[in-house]
């Protein structure tokens, strides 16, 4: 279990205030009964609020809904990757479909909890992810890994057929995350000129003429993977 010498700081992210209130009550109950020494230090309902709060407070854990005002949880996870946030993100979602779970985990979530199973899953999930382990509901874990294996195999095959180099795959990944040339260069420790050269090569191989077209082509062909 979590070391009770220090409470785990938590940010609640959901577009429904009533759900955030209920979640806060549940976490307070866990904390009072020593099941989880946690402290809710804030809440948010949009990506802008999440980024502002994490830059100021840097909570240990974010409990993230997949549906927010003006965006989804995947966007939040992608934006957090571009920041200095070092905590964990645990997704709480009503979506139980394999593709939703896979997309969240691929985007950087440390775990995934079904909203209708909070009472039975949340405590274990928080304890698991704060130990730097991955949490998935037992009933979907095997399905997830089969999905992951099939996806990885298709990515490898697609990249081979398009003849993307390993570095071009990395550039393309950051491109699909919305990163600018400068941010891609920073992530990959190369110059902006090098990034531009890779993008030119990628555009030629994908037979596209713009960043948007390259992103669409990458997603359709299954070229992007973590």
C-alpha atoms as a PDB file:
ATOM      1  CA  UNK A   1       0.000   0.000   0.000  1.00  0.00           C
ATOM      2  CA  UNK A   2       0.941   3.662  -0.281  1.00  0.00           C
ATOM      3  CA  UNK A   3       3.271   4.975   2.409  1.00  0.00           C
ATOM      4  CA  UNK A   4       0.978   6.754   4.887  1.00  0.00           C
ATOM      5  CA  UNK A   5       3.727   9.110   6.035  1.00  0.00           C
ATOM      6  CA  UNK A   6       2.802  11.349   3.124  1.00  0.00           C
ATOM      7  CA  UNK A   7      -0.584  11.881   1.560  1.00  0.00           C
ATOM      8  CA  UNK A   8      -0.885  11.425  -2.173  1.00  0.00           C
ATOM      9  CA  UNK A   9      -1.966  14.692  -3.838  1.00  0.00           C
ATOM     10  CA  UNK A  10      -4.736  14.161  -6.388  1.00  0.00           C
ATOM     11  CA  UNK A  11      -6.298  16.270  -9.154  1.00  0.00           C
ATOM     12  CA  UNK A  12      -9.818  15.329 -10.274  1.00  0.00           C
ATOM     13  CA  UNK A  13     -10.565  15.916 -13.965  1.00  0.00           C
ATOM     14  CA  UNK A  14     -14.146  15.425 -15.154  1.00  0.00           C
ATOM     15  CA  UNK A  15     -16.704  17.615 -16.916  1.00  0.00           C
ATOM     16  CA  UNK A  16     -19.485  16.694 -14.468  1.00  0.00           C
ATOM     17  CA  UNK A  17     -19.336  18.534 -11.145  1.00  0.00           C
ATOM     18  CA  UNK A  18     -21.606  16.005  -9.462  1.00  0.00           C
ATOM     19  CA  UNK A  19     -19.256  13.160 -10.381  1.00  0.00           C
ATOM     20  CA  UNK A  20     -16.244  15.108  -9.088  1.00  0.00           C
ATOM     21  CA  UNK A  21     -18.053  15.710  -5.795  1.00  0.00           C
ATOM     22  CA  UNK A  22     -18.910  12.031  -5.476  1.00  0.00           C
ATOM     23  CA  UNK A  23     -15.349  11.030  -6.274  1.00  0.00           C
ATOM     24  CA  UNK A  24     -14.000  13.482  -3.717  1.00  0.00           C
ATOM     25  CA  UNK A  25     -16.317  11.980  -1.093  1.00  0.00           C
ATOM     26  CA  UNK A  26     -15.154   8.447  -1.938  1.00  0.00           C
ATOM     27  CA  UNK A  27     -11.483   9.411  -1.727  1.00  0.00           C
ATOM     28  CA  UNK A  28     -12.042  11.219   1.576  1.00  0.00           C
ATOM     29  CA  UNK A  29     -13.681   8.060   2.911  1.00  0.00           C
ATOM     30  CA  UNK A  30     -10.683   5.979   1.851  1.00  0.00           C
ATOM     31  CA  UNK A  31      -8.285   8.462   3.442  1.00  0.00           C
ATOM     32  CA  UNK A  32     -10.186   8.679   6.753  1.00  0.00           C
ATOM     33  CA  UNK A  33     -10.272   4.899   7.009  1.00  0.00           C
ATOM     34  CA  UNK A  34      -6.551   4.665   6.152  1.00  0.00           C
ATOM     35  CA  UNK A  35      -7.198   2.588   3.033  1.00  0.00           C
ATOM     36  CA  UNK A  36      -5.572   5.294   0.902  1.00  0.00           C
ATOM     37  CA  UNK A  37      -3.731   8.301   2.359  1.00  0.00           C
ATOM     38  CA  UNK A  38      -4.824  10.731  -0.351  1.00  0.00           C
ATOM     39  CA  UNK A  39      -5.655  14.423  -0.503  1.00  0.00           C
ATOM     40  CA  UNK A  40      -7.691  16.015  -3.287  1.00  0.00           C
ATOM     41  CA  UNK A  41      -5.966  19.319  -4.008  1.00  0.00           C
ATOM     42  CA  UNK A  42      -8.064  20.496  -6.945  1.00  0.00           C
ATOM     43  CA  UNK A  43     -10.390  19.709  -9.824  1.00  0.00           C
ATOM     44  CA  UNK A  44     -10.689  20.656 -13.494  1.00  0.00           C
ATOM     45  CA  UNK A  45     -13.036  20.156 -16.427  1.00  0.00           C
ATOM     46  CA  UNK A  46     -10.904  21.218 -19.412  1.00  0.00           C
ATOM     47  CA  UNK A  47      -7.423  20.687 -20.821  1.00  0.00           C
ATOM     48  CA  UNK A  48      -6.519  24.328 -20.146  1.00  0.00           C
ATOM     49  CA  UNK A  49      -7.376  23.990 -16.467  1.00  0.00           C
ATOM     50  CA  UNK A  50      -5.421  20.730 -16.220  1.00  0.00           C
ATOM     51  CA  UNK A  51      -2.278  22.217 -17.743  1.00  0.00           C
ATOM     52  CA  UNK A  52      -2.471  25.338 -15.581  1.00  0.00           C
ATOM     53  CA  UNK A  53      -3.003  23.339 -12.390  1.00  0.00           C
ATOM     54  CA  UNK A  54      -0.260  20.790 -13.053  1.00  0.00           C
ATOM     55  CA  UNK A  55       2.255  23.520 -13.838  1.00  0.00           C
ATOM     56  CA  UNK A  56       1.480  25.226 -10.522  1.00  0.00           C
ATOM     57  CA  UNK A  57       0.848  22.291  -8.162  1.00  0.00           C
ATOM     58  CA  UNK A  58       2.198  19.148  -9.897  1.00  0.00           C
ATOM     59  CA  UNK A  59      -0.153  16.627  -8.223  1.00  0.00           C
ATOM     60  CA  UNK A  60       1.119  13.093  -7.658  1.00  0.00           C
ATOM     61  CA  UNK A  61      -1.898  11.629  -9.426  1.00  0.00           C
ATOM     62  CA  UNK A  62      -4.511  12.787 -11.936  1.00  0.00           C
ATOM     63  CA  UNK A  63      -7.854  10.984 -12.101  1.00  0.00           C
ATOM     64  CA  UNK A  64      -8.923  11.701 -15.675  1.00  0.00           C
ATOM     65  CA  UNK A  65     -12.247  11.301 -17.448  1.00  0.00           C
ATOM     66  CA  UNK A  66     -12.171  10.528 -21.166  1.00  0.00           C
ATOM     67  CA  UNK A  67     -14.817  13.133 -22.042  1.00  0.00           C
ATOM     68  CA  UNK A  68     -14.163  16.793 -21.192  1.00  0.00           C
ATOM     69  CA  UNK A  69     -15.312  20.226 -22.302  1.00  0.00           C
ATOM     70  CA  UNK A  70     -14.141  20.765 -25.863  1.00  0.00           C
ATOM     71  CA  UNK A  71     -11.799  17.750 -25.990  1.00  0.00           C
ATOM     72  CA  UNK A  72     -11.207  14.224 -24.767  1.00  0.00           C
ATOM     73  CA  UNK A  73      -8.861  12.547 -22.322  1.00  0.00           C
ATOM     74  CA  UNK A  74      -6.484  11.518 -25.101  1.00  0.00           C
ATOM     75  CA  UNK A  75      -5.836  15.193 -25.845  1.00  0.00           C
ATOM     76  CA  UNK A  76      -5.080  15.856 -22.183  1.00  0.00           C
ATOM     77  CA  UNK A  77      -2.621  12.937 -22.057  1.00  0.00           C
ATOM     78  CA  UNK A  78      -0.897  14.156 -25.231  1.00  0.00           C
ATOM     79  CA  UNK A  79      -0.594  17.713 -23.901  1.00  0.00           C
ATOM     80  CA  UNK A  80       0.747  16.497 -20.556  1.00  0.00           C
ATOM     81  CA  UNK A  81       3.497  14.629 -22.415  1.00  0.00           C
ATOM     82  CA  UNK A  82       4.726  17.974 -23.711  1.00  0.00           C
ATOM     83  CA  UNK A  83       5.057  19.420 -20.214  1.00  0.00           C
ATOM     84  CA  UNK A  84       7.275  18.717 -17.237  1.00  0.00           C
ATOM     85  CA  UNK A  85       4.521  16.793 -15.414  1.00  0.00           C
ATOM     86  CA  UNK A  86       6.017  13.707 -13.736  1.00  0.00           C
ATOM     87  CA  UNK A  87       3.011  12.280 -11.891  1.00  0.00           C
ATOM     88  CA  UNK A  88       0.711   9.419 -12.845  1.00  0.00           C
ATOM     89  CA  UNK A  89      -2.565   9.569 -14.762  1.00  0.00           C
ATOM     90  CA  UNK A  90      -5.339   7.099 -14.015  1.00  0.00           C
ATOM     91  CA  UNK A  91      -8.259   7.148 -16.440  1.00  0.00           C
ATOM     92  CA  UNK A  92     -11.806   6.835 -15.072  1.00  0.00           C
ATOM     93  CA  UNK A  93     -14.236   6.236 -17.912  1.00  0.00           C
ATOM     94  CA  UNK A  94     -17.685   4.950 -18.807  1.00  0.00           C
ATOM     95  CA  UNK A  95     -16.194   3.570 -22.029  1.00  0.00           C
ATOM     96  CA  UNK A  96     -15.358  -0.131 -21.765  1.00  0.00           C
ATOM     97  CA  UNK A  97     -14.542  -0.737 -25.427  1.00  0.00           C
ATOM     98  CA  UNK A  98     -11.112  -2.176 -26.209  1.00  0.00           C
ATOM     99  CA  UNK A  99     -10.131   0.646 -28.553  1.00  0.00           C
ATOM    100  CA  UNK A 100     -10.831   3.324 -25.914  1.00  0.00           C
ATOM    101  CA  UNK A 101      -8.726   1.477 -23.354  1.00  0.00           C
ATOM    102  CA  UNK A 102      -5.926   0.921 -25.849  1.00  0.00           C
ATOM    103  CA  UNK A 103      -5.856   4.553 -26.979  1.00  0.00           C
ATOM    104  CA  UNK A 104      -5.677   5.778 -23.381  1.00  0.00           C
ATOM    105  CA  UNK A 105      -2.846   3.418 -22.454  1.00  0.00           C
ATOM    106  CA  UNK A 106      -0.988   4.199 -25.675  1.00  0.00           C
ATOM    107  CA  UNK A 107      -1.261   7.912 -24.907  1.00  0.00           C
ATOM    108  CA  UNK A 108       0.429   7.492 -21.541  1.00  0.00           C
ATOM    109  CA  UNK A 109      -2.188   6.535 -18.948  1.00  0.00           C
ATOM    110  CA  UNK A 110      -0.890   4.382 -16.100  1.00  0.00           C
ATOM    111  CA  UNK A 111      -4.208   2.621 -15.672  1.00  0.00           C
ATOM    112  CA  UNK A 112      -7.858   2.468 -16.636  1.00  0.00           C
ATOM    113  CA  UNK A 113     -10.880   2.136 -14.317  1.00  0.00           C
ATOM    114  CA  UNK A 114     -14.530   1.701 -15.286  1.00  0.00           C
ATOM    115  CA  UNK A 115     -16.761   4.342 -13.733  1.00  0.00           C
ATOM    116  CA  UNK A 116     -19.419   1.790 -12.822  1.00  0.00           C
ATOM    117  CA  UNK A 117     -16.793  -0.244 -10.924  1.00  0.00           C
ATOM    118  CA  UNK A 118     -15.193   2.545  -8.870  1.00  0.00           C
ATOM    119  CA  UNK A 119     -16.177   1.002  -5.568  1.00  0.00           C
ATOM    120  CA  UNK A 120     -14.366  -2.246  -6.398  1.00  0.00           C
ATOM    121  CA  UNK A 121     -11.523  -1.009  -8.624  1.00  0.00           C
ATOM    122  CA  UNK A 122     -10.437   2.483  -7.579  1.00  0.00           C
ATOM    123  CA  UNK A 123      -8.583   1.724  -4.355  1.00  0.00           C
ATOM    124  CA  UNK A 124      -6.551  -1.091  -5.917  1.00  0.00           C
ATOM    125  CA  UNK A 125      -5.949   0.934  -9.086  1.00  0.00           C
ATOM    126  CA  UNK A 126      -4.525   3.946  -7.228  1.00  0.00           C
ATOM    127  CA  UNK A 127      -2.293   1.743  -5.096  1.00  0.00           C
ATOM    128  CA  UNK A 128      -1.068  -0.073  -8.228  1.00  0.00           C
ATOM    129  CA  UNK A 129      -0.205   2.947 -10.365  1.00  0.00           C
ATOM    130  CA  UNK A 130       1.511   4.783  -7.504  1.00  0.00           C
ATOM    131  CA  UNK A 131       3.874   1.804  -7.289  1.00  0.00           C
ATOM    132  CA  UNK A 132       4.765   2.498 -10.942  1.00  0.00           C
ATOM    133  CA  UNK A 133       2.816  -0.522 -12.136  1.00  0.00           C
ATOM    134  CA  UNK A 134       0.077  -0.696 -14.758  1.00  0.00           C
ATOM    135  CA  UNK A 135      -3.532  -1.198 -13.705  1.00  0.00           C
ATOM    136  CA  UNK A 136      -6.156  -2.740 -15.968  1.00  0.00           C
ATOM    137  CA  UNK A 137      -9.425  -4.378 -14.892  1.00  0.00           C
ATOM    138  CA  UNK A 138      -8.867  -8.136 -14.766  1.00  0.00           C
ATOM    139  CA  UNK A 139     -11.775  -8.775 -17.107  1.00  0.00           C
ATOM    140  CA  UNK A 140     -10.141  -6.796 -19.953  1.00  0.00           C
ATOM    141  CA  UNK A 141      -6.416  -7.346 -19.373  1.00  0.00           C
ATOM    142  CA  UNK A 142      -6.062 -10.333 -21.711  1.00  0.00           C
ATOM    143  CA  UNK A 143      -8.171  -8.654 -24.406  1.00  0.00           C
ATOM    144  CA  UNK A 144      -6.028  -5.525 -24.139  1.00  0.00           C
ATOM    145  CA  UNK A 145      -2.761  -7.362 -24.650  1.00  0.00           C
ATOM    146  CA  UNK A 146      -4.149  -9.283 -27.632  1.00  0.00           C
ATOM    147  CA  UNK A 147      -5.278  -5.946 -29.077  1.00  0.00           C
ATOM    148  CA  UNK A 148      -1.842  -4.465 -28.338  1.00  0.00           C
ATOM    149  CA  UNK A 149      -0.017  -7.356 -30.010  1.00  0.00           C
ATOM    150  CA  UNK A 150      -2.170  -7.142 -33.141  1.00  0.00           C
ATOM    151  CA  UNK A 151      -1.713  -3.365 -33.285  1.00  0.00           C
ATOM    152  CA  UNK A 152       2.056  -3.581 -32.846  1.00  0.00           C
ATOM    153  CA  UNK A 153       2.324  -6.195 -35.574  1.00  0.00           C
ATOM    154  CA  UNK A 154       0.295  -4.030 -37.972  1.00  0.00           C
ATOM    155  CA  UNK A 155       2.472  -0.989 -37.175  1.00  0.00           C
ATOM    156  CA  UNK A 156       5.677  -2.873 -37.893  1.00  0.00           C
ATOM    157  CA  UNK A 157       4.258  -4.195 -41.159  1.00  0.00           C
ATOM    158  CA  UNK A 158       2.969  -0.765 -42.236  1.00  0.00           C
ATOM    159  CA  UNK A 159       6.274   0.970 -41.474  1.00  0.00           C
ATOM    160  CA  UNK A 160       8.143  -1.703 -43.394  1.00  0.00           C
ATOM    161  CA  UNK A 161       5.864  -1.318 -46.427  1.00  0.00           C
ATOM    162  CA  UNK A 162       6.203   2.483 -46.405  1.00  0.00           C
ATOM    163  CA  UNK A 163       9.945   2.155 -45.695  1.00  0.00           C
ATOM    164  CA  UNK A 164      10.061   4.645 -42.820  1.00  0.00           C
ATOM    165  CA  UNK A 165      13.317   4.701 -40.886  1.00  0.00           C
ATOM    166  CA  UNK A 166      13.261   4.440 -37.097  1.00  0.00           C
ATOM    167  CA  UNK A 167      13.990   8.169 -36.793  1.00  0.00           C
ATOM    168  CA  UNK A 168      11.234   9.014 -39.284  1.00  0.00           C
ATOM    169  CA  UNK A 169       8.807   6.942 -37.202  1.00  0.00           C
ATOM    170  CA  UNK A 170       9.794   8.983 -34.135  1.00  0.00           C
ATOM    171  CA  UNK A 171       9.302  12.275 -35.979  1.00  0.00           C
ATOM    172  CA  UNK A 172       5.945  11.088 -37.303  1.00  0.00           C
ATOM    173  CA  UNK A 173       4.818  10.083 -33.811  1.00  0.00           C
ATOM    174  CA  UNK A 174       5.524  13.552 -32.387  1.00  0.00           C
ATOM    175  CA  UNK A 175       3.884  15.107 -35.432  1.00  0.00           C
ATOM    176  CA  UNK A 176       0.648  13.226 -34.663  1.00  0.00           C
ATOM    177  CA  UNK A 177       0.859  14.526 -31.091  1.00  0.00           C
ATOM    178  CA  UNK A 178       0.643  18.071 -32.435  1.00  0.00           C
ATOM    179  CA  UNK A 179       4.257  18.977 -31.691  1.00  0.00           C
ATOM    180  CA  UNK A 180       5.920  21.822 -33.620  1.00  0.00           C
ATOM    181  CA  UNK A 181       9.244  21.356 -35.405  1.00  0.00           C
ATOM    182  CA  UNK A 182      10.969  23.007 -32.467  1.00  0.00           C
ATOM    183  CA  UNK A 183       9.351  20.664 -29.938  1.00  0.00           C
ATOM    184  CA  UNK A 184      10.110  17.609 -32.072  1.00  0.00           C
ATOM    185  CA  UNK A 185      13.744  18.707 -32.248  1.00  0.00           C
ATOM    186  CA  UNK A 186      13.817  19.104 -28.471  1.00  0.00           C
ATOM    187  CA  UNK A 187      12.267  15.683 -27.858  1.00  0.00           C
ATOM    188  CA  UNK A 188      14.674  13.928 -30.229  1.00  0.00           C
ATOM    189  CA  UNK A 189      17.772  16.014 -29.400  1.00  0.00           C
ATOM    190  CA  UNK A 190      18.321  17.060 -33.022  1.00  0.00           C
ATOM    191  CA  UNK A 191      18.256  20.364 -34.864  1.00  0.00           C
ATOM    192  CA  UNK A 192      15.148  21.903 -36.385  1.00  0.00           C
ATOM    193  CA  UNK A 193      16.803  21.587 -39.800  1.00  0.00           C
ATOM    194  CA  UNK A 194      17.133  17.838 -39.244  1.00  0.00           C
ATOM    195  CA  UNK A 195      13.458  17.598 -38.316  1.00  0.00           C
ATOM    196  CA  UNK A 196      12.509  19.455 -41.495  1.00  0.00           C
ATOM    197  CA  UNK A 197      14.620  17.066 -43.555  1.00  0.00           C
ATOM    198  CA  UNK A 198      12.904  14.068 -41.982  1.00  0.00           C
ATOM    199  CA  UNK A 199       9.485  15.615 -42.594  1.00  0.00           C
ATOM    200  CA  UNK A 200      10.325  16.166 -46.254  1.00  0.00           C
ATOM    201  CA  UNK A 201      11.246  12.497 -46.548  1.00  0.00           C
ATOM    202  CA  UNK A 202       8.114  11.403 -44.689  1.00  0.00           C
ATOM    203  CA  UNK A 203       5.884  13.536 -46.922  1.00  0.00           C
ATOM    204  CA  UNK A 204       7.458  11.989 -50.029  1.00  0.00           C
ATOM    205  CA  UNK A 205       7.015   8.429 -48.756  1.00  0.00           C
ATOM    206  CA  UNK A 206       3.405   9.031 -47.728  1.00  0.00           C
ATOM    207  CA  UNK A 207       2.702  10.981 -50.930  1.00  0.00           C
ATOM    208  CA  UNK A 208       1.322  13.985 -49.035  1.00  0.00           C
ATOM    209  CA  UNK A 209       2.097  17.693 -49.081  1.00  0.00           C
ATOM    210  CA  UNK A 210       1.172  18.924 -45.591  1.00  0.00           C
ATOM    211  CA  UNK A 211       1.448  18.085 -41.908  1.00  0.00           C
ATOM    212  CA  UNK A 212      -2.301  17.493 -41.641  1.00  0.00           C
ATOM    213  CA  UNK A 213      -2.289  15.100 -44.591  1.00  0.00           C
ATOM    214  CA  UNK A 214       0.675  13.259 -43.080  1.00  0.00           C
ATOM    215  CA  UNK A 215      -1.155  12.830 -39.754  1.00  0.00           C
ATOM    216  CA  UNK A 216      -4.286  11.529 -41.481  1.00  0.00           C
ATOM    217  CA  UNK A 217      -2.235   9.117 -43.599  1.00  0.00           C
ATOM    218  CA  UNK A 218      -0.296   7.892 -40.567  1.00  0.00           C
ATOM    219  CA  UNK A 219      -3.479   7.149 -38.639  1.00  0.00           C
ATOM    220  CA  UNK A 220      -5.175   5.440 -41.588  1.00  0.00           C
ATOM    221  CA  UNK A 221      -2.128   3.249 -42.284  1.00  0.00           C
ATOM    222  CA  UNK A 222      -1.515   2.454 -38.613  1.00  0.00           C
ATOM    223  CA  UNK A 223       2.002   3.875 -38.701  1.00  0.00           C
ATOM    224  CA  UNK A 224       1.970   5.522 -35.268  1.00  0.00           C
ATOM    225  CA  UNK A 225       2.963   3.568 -32.202  1.00  0.00           C
ATOM    226  CA  UNK A 226       4.615   4.289 -28.859  1.00  0.00           C
END
